[in-house]
Amino acid sequence: MWWKLWYHLVDADESFFSLKQGKVVIVLNGRMAGKKGIIVKTFDDGTDGRKYGHAIVAGIDRAPLKVKKSMSEKKVQKRSRVKPFLKLVNFNHLMPTRSV
């Protein structure tokens, strides 16, 4: 029965699910599943190559680790690296957050 309520909510307010530029999302599927990202650009109607709604998402694949005073400079440099990602993701594989 819950799906009837959900369907009613979807019809009532489409803007609830709006995925716009600058929106913070969580990637649900694929190698980046569980990672947070920001929508850089959206393609609501799709393109010639991808006939479904999708977005370019930028995020952090690996965040920097903690550093201590006793660590060598080389180790500090290695642990301070950030690994970003940039992916085209189907709207079905994104979960929007409240953050903008």
N, C-alpha and C. Protein backbone atom coordinates (compact mmCIF):
# COMPACT_ATOMS: atom_id res chain seq x y z
N MET A 1 0.80 -1.20 0.00
CA MET A 1 0.00 0.00 0.00
C MET A 1 0.84 1.26 0.00
N TRP A 2 2.08 1.19 0.53
CA TRP A 2 2.90 2.38 0.61
C TRP A 2 3.20 2.96 -0.77
N TRP A 3 3.25 2.09 -1.82
CA TRP A 3 3.58 2.58 -3.14
C TRP A 3 2.51 3.51 -3.69
N LYS A 4 1.25 3.31 -3.25
CA LYS A 4 0.18 4.21 -3.69
C LYS A 4 0.41 5.61 -3.13
N LEU A 5 0.83 5.69 -1.88
CA LEU A 5 1.13 6.98 -1.28
C LEU A 5 2.33 7.61 -1.98
N TRP A 6 3.35 6.81 -2.24
CA TRP A 6 4.54 7.30 -2.92
C TRP A 6 4.19 7.83 -4.31
N TYR A 7 3.36 7.10 -5.05
CA TYR A 7 2.96 7.50 -6.39
C TYR A 7 2.19 8.81 -6.34
N HIS A 8 1.35 8.96 -5.33
CA HIS A 8 0.58 10.19 -5.16
C HIS A 8 1.51 11.37 -4.87
N LEU A 9 2.53 11.15 -4.05
CA LEU A 9 3.49 12.21 -3.75
C LEU A 9 4.28 12.63 -4.98
N VAL A 10 4.63 11.66 -5.82
CA VAL A 10 5.39 11.96 -7.03
C VAL A 10 4.56 12.82 -7.96
N ASP A 11 3.28 12.48 -8.13
CA ASP A 11 2.41 13.26 -9.00
C ASP A 11 2.18 14.66 -8.45
N ALA A 12 2.09 14.76 -7.14
CA ALA A 12 1.75 16.04 -6.51
C ALA A 12 2.86 17.07 -6.67
N ASP A 13 4.10 16.65 -6.56
CA ASP A 13 5.18 17.62 -6.56
C ASP A 13 6.41 17.07 -7.27
N GLU A 14 6.54 17.38 -8.56
CA GLU A 14 7.68 16.90 -9.33
C GLU A 14 8.98 17.58 -8.89
N SER A 15 8.89 18.79 -8.35
CA SER A 15 10.10 19.52 -7.96
C SER A 15 10.80 18.85 -6.78
N PHE A 16 10.11 17.96 -6.08
CA PHE A 16 10.71 17.23 -4.97
C PHE A 16 11.91 16.41 -5.45
N PHE A 17 11.83 15.92 -6.67
CA PHE A 17 12.87 15.07 -7.22
C PHE A 17 13.81 15.81 -8.16
N SER A 18 13.76 17.12 -8.18
CA SER A 18 14.56 17.88 -9.13
C SER A 18 16.05 17.70 -8.86
N LEU A 19 16.76 17.37 -9.90
CA LEU A 19 18.21 17.25 -9.83
C LEU A 19 18.78 18.37 -10.68
N LYS A 20 19.25 19.41 -10.02
CA LYS A 20 19.76 20.58 -10.72
C LYS A 20 21.25 20.75 -10.46
N GLN A 21 21.85 21.63 -11.23
CA GLN A 21 23.27 21.92 -11.09
C GLN A 21 23.58 22.43 -9.69
N GLY A 22 24.64 21.88 -9.09
CA GLY A 22 25.04 22.29 -7.75
C GLY A 22 24.44 21.46 -6.63
N LYS A 23 23.51 20.55 -6.96
CA LYS A 23 22.86 19.71 -5.95
C LYS A 23 23.83 18.62 -5.49
N VAL A 24 23.87 18.39 -4.19
CA VAL A 24 24.70 17.31 -3.63
C VAL A 24 23.91 16.01 -3.72
N VAL A 25 24.54 14.96 -4.25
CA VAL A 25 23.88 13.67 -4.44
C VAL A 25 24.77 12.55 -3.92
N ILE A 26 24.16 11.39 -3.73
CA ILE A 26 24.90 10.17 -3.39
C ILE A 26 24.72 9.21 -4.56
N VAL A 27 25.83 8.67 -5.06
CA VAL A 27 25.79 7.71 -6.16
C VAL A 27 25.38 6.36 -5.59
N LEU A 28 24.38 5.72 -6.21
CA LEU A 28 23.83 4.48 -5.67
C LEU A 28 24.39 3.22 -6.32
N ASN A 29 24.76 3.27 -7.59
CA ASN A 29 25.20 2.07 -8.30
C ASN A 29 26.60 2.26 -8.88
N GLY A 30 27.25 1.14 -9.16
CA GLY A 30 28.54 1.18 -9.84
C GLY A 30 29.72 1.26 -8.89
N ARG A 31 30.88 1.53 -9.46
CA ARG A 31 32.12 1.57 -8.71
C ARG A 31 32.13 2.69 -7.67
N MET A 32 31.42 3.76 -7.94
CA MET A 32 31.39 4.91 -7.03
C MET A 32 30.21 4.86 -6.07
N ALA A 33 29.56 3.71 -5.94
CA ALA A 33 28.38 3.59 -5.07
C ALA A 33 28.72 4.00 -3.65
N GLY A 34 27.87 4.84 -3.07
CA GLY A 34 28.06 5.31 -1.71
C GLY A 34 28.87 6.59 -1.61
N LYS A 35 29.42 7.04 -2.72
CA LYS A 35 30.23 8.26 -2.71
C LYS A 35 29.33 9.48 -2.91
N LYS A 36 29.72 10.58 -2.27
CA LYS A 36 28.99 11.84 -2.45
C LYS A 36 29.60 12.61 -3.60
N GLY A 37 28.74 13.34 -4.29
CA GLY A 37 29.20 14.16 -5.40
C GLY A 37 28.30 15.35 -5.61
N ILE A 38 28.71 16.22 -6.51
CA ILE A 38 27.94 17.41 -6.85
C ILE A 38 27.62 17.36 -8.34
N ILE A 39 26.38 17.69 -8.70
CA ILE A 39 25.98 17.70 -10.10
C ILE A 39 26.61 18.91 -10.78
N VAL A 40 27.37 18.65 -11.83
CA VAL A 40 28.02 19.71 -12.59
C VAL A 40 27.12 20.18 -13.72
N LYS A 41 26.50 19.23 -14.43
CA LYS A 41 25.61 19.57 -15.54
C LYS A 41 24.58 18.46 -15.70
N THR A 42 23.35 18.82 -16.07
CA THR A 42 22.30 17.83 -16.26
C THR A 42 21.88 17.78 -17.73
N PHE A 43 21.42 16.61 -18.14
CA PHE A 43 20.85 16.39 -19.46
C PHE A 43 19.49 15.73 -19.23
N ASP A 44 18.46 16.53 -19.02
CA ASP A 44 17.14 16.01 -18.65
C ASP A 44 16.52 15.12 -19.72
N ASP A 45 16.66 15.50 -20.98
CA ASP A 45 16.04 14.74 -22.07
C ASP A 45 16.99 13.75 -22.71
N GLY A 46 18.19 13.68 -22.21
CA GLY A 46 19.17 12.77 -22.77
C GLY A 46 19.89 13.39 -23.96
N THR A 47 20.75 12.60 -24.60
CA THR A 47 21.49 13.04 -25.79
C THR A 47 21.34 11.97 -26.86
N ASP A 48 22.02 12.16 -27.99
CA ASP A 48 21.94 11.16 -29.06
C ASP A 48 22.53 9.82 -28.62
N GLY A 49 23.62 9.86 -27.90
CA GLY A 49 24.28 8.64 -27.44
C GLY A 49 23.60 8.00 -26.25
N ARG A 50 23.04 8.83 -25.37
CA ARG A 50 22.35 8.34 -24.16
C ARG A 50 20.94 8.90 -24.16
N LYS A 51 19.97 8.06 -24.42
CA LYS A 51 18.60 8.53 -24.58
C LYS A 51 17.81 8.55 -23.28
N TYR A 52 18.50 8.72 -22.18
CA TYR A 52 17.87 8.78 -20.86
C TYR A 52 18.44 9.99 -20.13
N GLY A 53 17.73 10.46 -19.12
CA GLY A 53 18.20 11.59 -18.34
C GLY A 53 19.43 11.22 -17.54
N HIS A 54 20.45 12.05 -17.62
CA HIS A 54 21.69 11.76 -16.89
C HIS A 54 22.37 13.07 -16.50
N ALA A 55 23.41 12.95 -15.71
CA ALA A 55 24.12 14.13 -15.22
C ALA A 55 25.61 13.85 -15.13
N ILE A 56 26.39 14.91 -15.24
CA ILE A 56 27.83 14.83 -14.98
C ILE A 56 28.01 15.11 -13.49
N VAL A 57 28.62 14.16 -12.79
CA VAL A 57 28.79 14.27 -11.33
C VAL A 57 30.28 14.30 -11.00
N ALA A 58 30.67 15.27 -10.18
CA ALA A 58 32.05 15.36 -9.69
C ALA A 58 32.05 15.09 -8.20
N GLY A 59 33.04 14.33 -7.73
CA GLY A 59 33.09 14.02 -6.31
C GLY A 59 34.47 13.55 -5.88
N ILE A 60 34.55 13.10 -4.65
CA ILE A 60 35.82 12.62 -4.09
C ILE A 60 35.77 11.11 -3.96
N ASP A 61 36.68 10.44 -4.68
CA ASP A 61 36.77 8.99 -4.61
C ASP A 61 37.52 8.56 -3.35
N ARG A 62 38.61 9.27 -3.05
CA ARG A 62 39.38 8.95 -1.85
C ARG A 62 39.78 10.25 -1.15
N ALA A 63 39.37 10.38 0.10
CA ALA A 63 39.67 11.57 0.90
C ALA A 63 41.06 11.44 1.52
N PRO A 64 41.67 12.54 1.93
CA PRO A 64 42.97 12.46 2.58
C PRO A 64 42.90 11.77 3.94
N LEU A 65 43.99 11.14 4.34
CA LEU A 65 44.06 10.42 5.61
C LEU A 65 44.65 11.32 6.70
N LYS A 66 44.56 10.87 7.94
CA LYS A 66 45.11 11.64 9.06
C LYS A 66 46.64 11.63 9.00
N VAL A 67 47.21 12.73 9.47
CA VAL A 67 48.66 12.90 9.46
C VAL A 67 49.13 13.22 10.88
N LYS A 68 50.30 12.65 11.25
CA LYS A 68 50.90 12.93 12.57
C LYS A 68 52.23 13.66 12.39
N LYS A 69 52.66 14.30 13.46
CA LYS A 69 53.94 15.03 13.42
C LYS A 69 55.11 14.10 13.15
N SER A 70 55.02 12.88 13.67
CA SER A 70 56.15 11.96 13.57
C SER A 70 56.34 11.38 12.17
N MET A 71 55.39 11.58 11.26
CA MET A 71 55.50 11.01 9.92
C MET A 71 56.49 11.80 9.07
N SER A 72 57.14 11.08 8.15
CA SER A 72 58.09 11.72 7.25
C SER A 72 57.35 12.60 6.24
N GLU A 73 58.08 13.51 5.62
CA GLU A 73 57.48 14.44 4.65
C GLU A 73 56.90 13.67 3.46
N LYS A 74 57.59 12.62 3.03
CA LYS A 74 57.13 11.81 1.91
C LYS A 74 55.79 11.14 2.24
N LYS A 75 55.70 10.59 3.45
CA LYS A 75 54.47 9.92 3.88
C LYS A 75 53.33 10.93 4.03
N VAL A 76 53.63 12.12 4.52
CA VAL A 76 52.62 13.17 4.67
C VAL A 76 52.07 13.55 3.30
N GLN A 77 52.97 13.70 2.31
CA GLN A 77 52.53 14.05 0.96
C GLN A 77 51.63 12.97 0.38
N LYS A 78 51.99 11.71 0.60
CA LYS A 78 51.20 10.60 0.06
C LYS A 78 49.82 10.53 0.71
N ARG A 79 49.76 10.74 2.03
CA ARG A 79 48.49 10.65 2.74
C ARG A 79 47.59 11.87 2.53
N SER A 80 48.17 12.95 2.04
CA SER A 80 47.41 14.18 1.84
C SER A 80 46.74 14.26 0.47
N ARG A 81 46.96 13.27 -0.37
CA ARG A 81 46.40 13.29 -1.72
C ARG A 81 44.89 13.08 -1.71
N VAL A 82 44.24 13.76 -2.64
CA VAL A 82 42.79 13.60 -2.84
C VAL A 82 42.60 13.01 -4.23
N LYS A 83 41.75 11.99 -4.34
CA LYS A 83 41.48 11.38 -5.63
C LYS A 83 40.05 11.75 -6.04
N PRO A 84 39.89 12.65 -7.01
CA PRO A 84 38.54 13.04 -7.44
C PRO A 84 38.01 12.11 -8.53
N PHE A 85 36.70 12.19 -8.80
CA PHE A 85 36.13 11.47 -9.93
C PHE A 85 35.15 12.37 -10.66
N LEU A 86 34.96 12.09 -11.94
CA LEU A 86 34.03 12.81 -12.80
C LEU A 86 33.33 11.76 -13.65
N LYS A 87 32.01 11.62 -13.49
CA LYS A 87 31.28 10.55 -14.17
C LYS A 87 29.97 11.03 -14.73
N LEU A 88 29.54 10.38 -15.83
CA LEU A 88 28.19 10.55 -16.34
C LEU A 88 27.33 9.48 -15.67
N VAL A 89 26.28 9.89 -14.97
CA VAL A 89 25.48 8.96 -14.19
C VAL A 89 24.00 9.13 -14.53
N ASN A 90 23.32 8.00 -14.71
CA ASN A 90 21.88 7.98 -14.93
C ASN A 90 21.17 8.56 -13.70
N PHE A 91 20.09 9.33 -13.93
CA PHE A 91 19.34 9.90 -12.81
C PHE A 91 18.83 8.82 -11.85
N ASN A 92 18.54 7.63 -12.37
CA ASN A 92 18.03 6.55 -11.52
C ASN A 92 19.08 6.08 -10.51
N HIS A 93 20.34 6.38 -10.76
CA HIS A 93 21.42 5.93 -9.89
C HIS A 93 21.92 7.02 -8.96
N LEU A 94 21.13 8.09 -8.82
CA LEU A 94 21.49 9.20 -7.93
C LEU A 94 20.42 9.41 -6.89
N MET A 95 20.85 9.70 -5.66
CA MET A 95 19.90 10.05 -4.60
C MET A 95 20.23 11.47 -4.14
N PRO A 96 19.30 12.40 -4.34
CA PRO A 96 19.57 13.78 -3.91
C PRO A 96 19.56 13.91 -2.40
N THR A 97 20.35 14.86 -1.89
CA THR A 97 20.34 15.18 -0.47
C THR A 97 19.70 16.55 -0.29
N ARG A 98 19.54 16.97 0.93
CA ARG A 98 18.94 18.28 1.18
C ARG A 98 19.90 19.41 0.86
N SER A 99 21.18 19.12 0.86
CA SER A 99 22.19 20.16 0.64
C SER A 99 22.15 20.68 -0.78
N VAL A 100 22.41 21.97 -0.92
CA VAL A 100 22.46 22.57 -2.26
C VAL A 100 23.80 23.21 -2.48
